[in-house]
Amino acid sequence: MTDQSHPQEKATDALGALHDRTIDVLAGFETMVDKAEPDFRPLAERFRGLHQRHAGQIAALLAAAGREADADGTFMSTVNRAVVSMRSLVDDIDEDILKQVESGEQHVVDAFDEALAQPQSAEAKGRLTEMRQELVSLLGEARAWRS
């Protein structure tokens, strides 16, 4: 894509990138929930549920823009699953993983910011802003839980 791309194409590309990042982190949480320690599992389940819901909503925004969402995400989906699986072999999947979760989630927040910086419809902007806030709120809860 060049700088001369149509603004709507850039907006759709940003939505696609956001969807991919959401699917990528979702893959990690799907594995994490299965391997999480009982005390940590409810928080991992909340992240998984949030990302599942957001992936569907972002896919709907993409469909409205005329683009089909890639249900598989990127290669990072595979990496995220593998990292969680390998970590579970040598360490507990518990609150100690929250720093890595926060780092991964920051990539999703950044993708929300990139999508919001593009010309979106008022409805899409509102939905993206709401989803971003839900993620930021859950991250805040996770940080408080870790403390």
Protein backbone atom coordinates (compact mmCIF):
# COMPACT_ATOMS: atom_id res chain seq x y z
CA MET A 1 0.00 0.00 0.00
CA THR A 2 1.32 3.45 -0.86
CA ASP A 3 0.64 6.82 0.68
CA GLN A 4 -1.65 7.54 -2.27
CA SER A 5 -4.08 4.77 -1.28
CA HIS A 6 -7.68 5.71 -0.89
CA PRO A 7 -8.47 6.74 2.72
CA GLN A 8 -11.21 4.10 2.97
CA GLU A 9 -8.72 1.43 1.90
CA LYS A 10 -6.36 2.54 4.68
CA ALA A 11 -9.24 2.42 7.15
CA THR A 12 -10.16 -1.09 6.02
CA ASP A 13 -6.51 -2.18 6.17
CA ALA A 14 -6.32 -0.87 9.74
CA LEU A 15 -9.46 -2.84 10.66
CA GLY A 16 -7.92 -5.94 9.08
CA ALA A 17 -4.72 -5.48 11.10
CA LEU A 18 -6.77 -5.02 14.28
CA HIS A 19 -8.73 -8.19 13.53
CA ASP A 20 -5.51 -10.13 12.92
CA ARG A 21 -3.97 -8.95 16.22
CA THR A 22 -7.18 -9.80 18.05
CA ILE A 23 -7.23 -13.31 16.58
CA ASP A 24 -3.52 -13.71 17.37
CA VAL A 25 -3.91 -12.92 21.08
CA LEU A 26 -7.14 -14.92 21.22
CA ALA A 27 -5.17 -17.99 20.11
CA GLY A 28 -2.86 -17.58 23.08
CA PHE A 29 -5.79 -17.25 25.50
CA GLU A 30 -7.53 -20.30 24.09
CA THR A 31 -4.47 -22.34 25.02
CA MET A 32 -3.93 -20.42 28.25
CA VAL A 33 -7.42 -21.18 29.57
CA ASP A 34 -6.84 -24.90 29.10
CA LYS A 35 -3.50 -24.81 30.92
CA ALA A 36 -4.10 -22.08 33.52
CA GLU A 37 -3.93 -22.65 37.25
CA PRO A 38 -7.40 -22.58 38.86
CA ASP A 39 -6.92 -19.17 40.49
CA PHE A 40 -5.81 -17.58 37.21
CA ARG A 41 -8.28 -19.34 34.88
CA PRO A 42 -11.22 -16.91 35.42
CA LEU A 43 -9.09 -13.93 34.33
CA ALA A 44 -7.80 -15.84 31.28
CA GLU A 45 -11.40 -16.78 30.45
CA ARG A 46 -12.45 -13.13 30.60
CA PHE A 47 -9.68 -12.12 28.19
CA ARG A 48 -10.61 -15.00 25.88
CA GLY A 49 -14.29 -14.03 25.93
CA LEU A 50 -13.51 -10.38 25.30
CA HIS A 51 -11.31 -11.20 22.33
CA GLN A 52 -13.84 -13.67 20.91
CA ARG A 53 -16.55 -11.03 21.06
CA HIS A 54 -14.29 -8.31 19.66
CA ALA A 55 -13.14 -10.55 16.80
CA GLY A 56 -16.77 -11.03 15.76
CA GLN A 57 -17.54 -7.32 15.99
CA ILE A 58 -14.43 -6.34 14.03
CA ALA A 59 -15.23 -8.99 11.41
CA ALA A 60 -18.68 -7.40 11.05
CA LEU A 61 -17.08 -3.97 10.54
CA LEU A 62 -14.79 -5.47 7.92
CA ALA A 63 -17.74 -7.12 6.17
CA ALA A 64 -19.57 -3.78 6.12
CA ALA A 65 -16.47 -2.32 4.46
CA GLY A 66 -16.54 -5.09 1.84
CA ARG A 67 -13.69 -7.24 3.12
CA GLU A 68 -13.80 -10.74 4.54
CA ALA A 69 -12.01 -11.23 7.86
CA ASP A 70 -9.28 -13.86 8.04
CA ALA A 71 -10.43 -16.27 10.74
CA ASP A 72 -6.90 -17.60 11.31
CA GLY A 73 -5.04 -14.37 12.10
CA THR A 74 -1.34 -14.35 11.31
CA PHE A 75 1.62 -16.59 12.06
CA MET A 76 1.63 -15.02 15.53
CA SER A 77 -1.47 -17.09 16.37
CA THR A 78 0.65 -20.21 16.05
CA VAL A 79 3.50 -18.60 17.97
CA ASN A 80 1.20 -17.53 20.81
CA ARG A 81 -0.26 -21.03 21.15
CA ALA A 82 3.21 -22.58 21.15
CA VAL A 83 4.63 -20.14 23.70
CA VAL A 84 1.80 -20.77 26.16
CA SER A 85 2.02 -24.53 25.65
CA MET A 86 5.78 -24.59 26.12
CA ARG A 87 5.63 -22.36 29.16
CA SER A 88 3.05 -24.64 30.75
CA LEU A 89 5.54 -27.50 30.52
CA VAL A 90 8.11 -25.73 32.70
CA ASP A 91 6.09 -23.25 34.74
CA ASP A 92 2.57 -22.60 36.03
CA ILE A 93 0.24 -20.52 33.92
CA ASP A 94 -0.76 -18.07 36.62
CA GLU A 95 -0.47 -14.39 37.53
CA ASP A 96 3.27 -14.49 36.75
CA ILE A 97 2.39 -14.46 33.05
CA LEU A 98 0.52 -11.15 33.33
CA LYS A 99 3.50 -9.03 32.26
CA GLN A 100 3.65 -10.96 28.99
CA VAL A 101 -0.14 -10.66 28.66
CA GLU A 102 0.07 -6.89 29.13
CA SER A 103 2.77 -6.66 26.48
CA GLY A 104 0.72 -8.65 23.98
CA GLU A 105 -2.42 -6.69 24.76
CA GLN A 106 -0.58 -3.42 24.16
CA HIS A 107 -0.18 -4.50 20.52
CA VAL A 108 -3.96 -4.83 20.31
CA VAL A 109 -4.51 -1.43 21.96
CA ASP A 110 -2.06 0.06 19.44
CA ALA A 111 -4.03 -1.55 16.60
CA PHE A 112 -7.23 0.00 17.99
CA ASP A 113 -5.48 3.37 18.02
CA GLU A 114 -4.33 2.89 14.42
CA ALA A 115 -7.84 1.97 13.30
CA LEU A 116 -9.35 4.90 15.18
CA ALA A 117 -6.86 7.27 13.52
CA GLN A 118 -8.31 6.36 10.12
CA PRO A 119 -11.51 7.80 8.65
CA GLN A 120 -14.19 5.41 9.92
CA SER A 121 -17.95 5.82 9.95
CA ALA A 122 -19.42 7.30 13.12
CA GLU A 123 -20.86 3.89 13.99
CA ALA A 124 -17.52 2.12 13.45
CA LYS A 125 -15.64 4.76 15.46
CA GLY A 126 -18.11 4.39 18.31
CA ARG A 127 -17.86 0.60 18.31
CA LEU A 128 -14.05 0.66 18.08
CA THR A 129 -13.82 3.19 20.91
CA GLU A 130 -16.10 1.05 23.08
CA MET A 131 -14.11 -2.13 22.37
CA ARG A 132 -10.81 -0.37 23.08
CA GLN A 133 -12.17 0.88 26.40
CA GLU A 134 -13.36 -2.60 27.35
CA LEU A 135 -9.86 -3.96 26.73
CA VAL A 136 -8.16 -1.14 28.62
CA SER A 137 -10.55 -1.67 31.55
CA LEU A 138 -9.84 -5.40 31.66
CA LEU A 139 -6.10 -4.68 31.52
CA GLY A 140 -6.55 -2.35 34.49
CA GLU A 141 -8.33 -5.09 36.40
CA ALA A 142 -5.55 -7.53 35.55
CA ARG A 143 -2.90 -5.10 36.83
CA ALA A 144 -4.88 -4.59 40.05
CA TRP A 145 -5.32 -8.35 40.42
CA ARG A 146 -1.58 -8.88 40.05
CA SER A 147 -0.79 -6.32 42.76
